[in-house]
Amino acid sequence: MLPRSRQALTRQIDQFVIAEIGGTFVGCGSLFRLGNDLVEVRSIGLREEGKGKGVGTMILEKLVEEARRQRIPKIMALTYATDFFLKNGFAVVEKEIFPEKVWTDCVNCKKQHACDEIAVLKRLD
């Protein structure tokens, strides 16, 4: 997960989905709009208590539901957890098809020229 400043998190806090089990925080995830027809899944993270219980999938389903509600036809992510996204209906694609992502985040990333994350995409239309 890419580090985010407190300021960035504060600005984007209303875009997060939070998961709880028994009133205890176990995970979160967010969407970030990259254009009129594209959002990115960001910051899906789980505490140990949430792993292996379908919490990640539930968070992702809520994010997909929100993208649909906003009528955004494409949802993407850069990830190391490719299998998770594949089992949730995403397909592996080339990173280069997302110039919106490159100019929003990747341009400032220290791994810009040696990125080892995998791009995944789900079409909602």
Protein backbone atom coordinates (compact mmCIF):
# COMPACT_ATOMS: atom_id res chain seq x y z
CA MET A 1 0.00 0.00 0.00
CA LEU A 2 1.36 3.39 -0.93
CA PRO A 3 1.95 5.75 1.96
CA ARG A 4 -0.45 8.68 2.17
CA SER A 5 0.03 11.89 4.10
CA ARG A 6 -2.33 12.73 6.94
CA GLN A 7 -3.50 15.70 4.84
CA ALA A 8 -4.31 13.46 1.85
CA LEU A 9 -6.19 11.00 4.07
CA THR A 10 -8.14 13.84 5.70
CA ARG A 11 -9.19 15.16 2.27
CA GLN A 12 -10.28 11.70 1.12
CA ILE A 13 -11.72 10.23 4.33
CA ASP A 14 -15.31 10.36 3.04
CA GLN A 15 -14.33 8.05 0.17
CA PHE A 16 -13.39 5.18 2.50
CA VAL A 17 -15.41 2.07 3.29
CA ILE A 18 -14.73 0.73 6.78
CA ALA A 19 -15.26 -2.86 7.90
CA GLU A 20 -15.95 -3.85 11.49
CA ILE A 21 -16.41 -7.14 13.26
CA GLY A 22 -18.08 -6.88 16.63
CA GLY A 23 -17.50 -3.13 16.69
CA THR A 24 -13.77 -3.50 16.04
CA PHE A 25 -12.15 -1.99 12.94
CA VAL A 26 -10.78 -4.78 10.74
CA GLY A 27 -10.31 -3.20 7.32
CA CYS A 28 -10.86 -0.40 4.87
CA GLY A 29 -10.70 0.57 1.23
CA SER A 30 -11.40 3.59 -0.92
CA LEU A 31 -12.09 4.81 -4.42
CA PHE A 32 -10.25 7.63 -6.12
CA ARG A 33 -11.65 9.23 -9.25
CA LEU A 34 -9.12 9.38 -12.07
CA GLY A 35 -11.46 10.65 -14.79
CA ASN A 36 -15.05 10.73 -15.99
CA ASP A 37 -15.04 7.02 -16.76
CA LEU A 38 -12.42 5.61 -14.38
CA VAL A 39 -11.95 5.14 -10.63
CA GLU A 40 -9.12 3.45 -8.77
CA VAL A 41 -9.48 1.06 -5.86
CA ARG A 42 -7.06 2.35 -3.23
CA SER A 43 -5.93 1.42 0.21
CA ILE A 44 -7.63 -1.93 0.69
CA GLY A 45 -6.10 -3.14 3.89
CA LEU A 46 -7.06 -5.67 6.53
CA ARG A 47 -6.00 -6.30 10.09
CA GLU A 48 -5.23 -9.90 10.97
CA GLU A 49 -8.68 -10.26 12.57
CA GLY A 50 -10.31 -9.57 9.18
CA LYS A 51 -8.24 -11.91 7.03
CA GLY A 52 -9.72 -15.13 5.69
CA LYS A 53 -13.29 -14.09 6.45
CA GLY A 54 -14.30 -12.47 3.15
CA VAL A 55 -13.89 -8.97 4.53
CA GLY A 56 -11.65 -7.85 1.65
CA THR A 57 -14.20 -9.08 -0.86
CA MET A 58 -17.02 -7.32 0.98
CA ILE A 59 -15.05 -4.06 0.96
CA LEU A 60 -14.32 -4.44 -2.75
CA GLU A 61 -17.99 -5.21 -3.49
CA LYS A 62 -19.02 -2.01 -1.70
CA LEU A 63 -16.49 -0.01 -3.72
CA VAL A 64 -17.73 -1.55 -6.99
CA GLU A 65 -21.30 -0.79 -5.92
CA GLU A 66 -20.30 2.85 -5.32
CA ALA A 67 -18.63 3.10 -8.74
CA ARG A 68 -21.83 1.75 -10.31
CA ARG A 69 -23.91 4.22 -8.31
CA GLN A 70 -21.75 7.02 -9.73
CA ARG A 71 -22.12 5.48 -13.22
CA ILE A 72 -18.39 5.10 -13.66
CA PRO A 73 -17.85 2.29 -16.18
CA LYS A 74 -14.28 1.26 -15.30
CA ILE A 75 -12.62 0.44 -11.99
CA MET A 76 -8.90 -0.29 -11.79
CA ALA A 77 -6.17 -1.03 -9.28
CA LEU A 78 -2.42 -1.44 -9.15
CA THR A 79 -1.73 -4.39 -6.90
CA TYR A 80 0.47 -7.23 -5.74
CA ALA A 81 -2.68 -9.20 -4.77
CA THR A 82 -3.57 -10.13 -8.34
CA ASP A 83 -5.38 -13.36 -7.40
CA PHE A 84 -7.72 -11.45 -5.07
CA PHE A 85 -8.79 -9.12 -7.87
CA LEU A 86 -9.04 -11.91 -10.46
CA LYS A 87 -11.41 -13.90 -8.24
CA ASN A 88 -13.50 -10.73 -7.95
CA GLY A 89 -14.00 -10.27 -11.69
CA PHE A 90 -11.03 -8.08 -12.61
CA ALA A 91 -8.65 -8.82 -15.50
CA VAL A 92 -4.93 -8.14 -15.76
CA VAL A 93 -4.17 -5.29 -18.19
CA GLU A 94 -1.19 -3.17 -19.20
CA LYS A 95 -0.48 -0.25 -16.85
CA GLU A 96 0.11 2.00 -19.83
CA ILE A 97 -3.63 2.15 -20.62
CA PHE A 98 -4.07 4.35 -17.53
CA PRO A 99 -2.36 7.67 -18.30
CA GLU A 100 -4.69 9.22 -15.70
CA LYS A 101 -3.00 7.14 -13.00
CA VAL A 102 0.48 7.81 -14.32
CA TRP A 103 0.03 11.58 -14.19
CA THR A 104 -1.82 11.57 -10.88
CA ASP A 105 0.41 9.32 -8.75
CA CYS A 106 3.08 7.45 -10.68
CA VAL A 107 4.85 10.59 -11.81
CA ASN A 108 5.91 11.17 -8.17
CA CYS A 109 6.62 7.55 -7.25
CA LYS A 110 10.19 6.43 -6.56
CA LYS A 111 9.41 3.18 -8.42
CA GLN A 112 8.11 5.00 -11.49
CA HIS A 113 10.65 3.48 -13.89
CA ALA A 114 10.69 0.04 -12.25
CA CYS A 115 7.10 -0.48 -11.13
CA ASP A 116 6.41 -4.08 -10.21
CA GLU A 117 2.71 -3.70 -9.42
CA ILE A 118 0.16 -5.40 -11.65
CA ALA A 119 -2.67 -3.40 -13.23
CA VAL A 120 -6.17 -4.88 -13.04
CA LEU A 121 -9.41 -3.61 -14.53
CA LYS A 122 -13.09 -4.38 -14.20
CA ARG A 123 -15.59 -2.97 -16.70
CA LEU A 124 -18.94 -2.18 -15.13
CA ASP A 125 -20.85 -1.31 -18.30
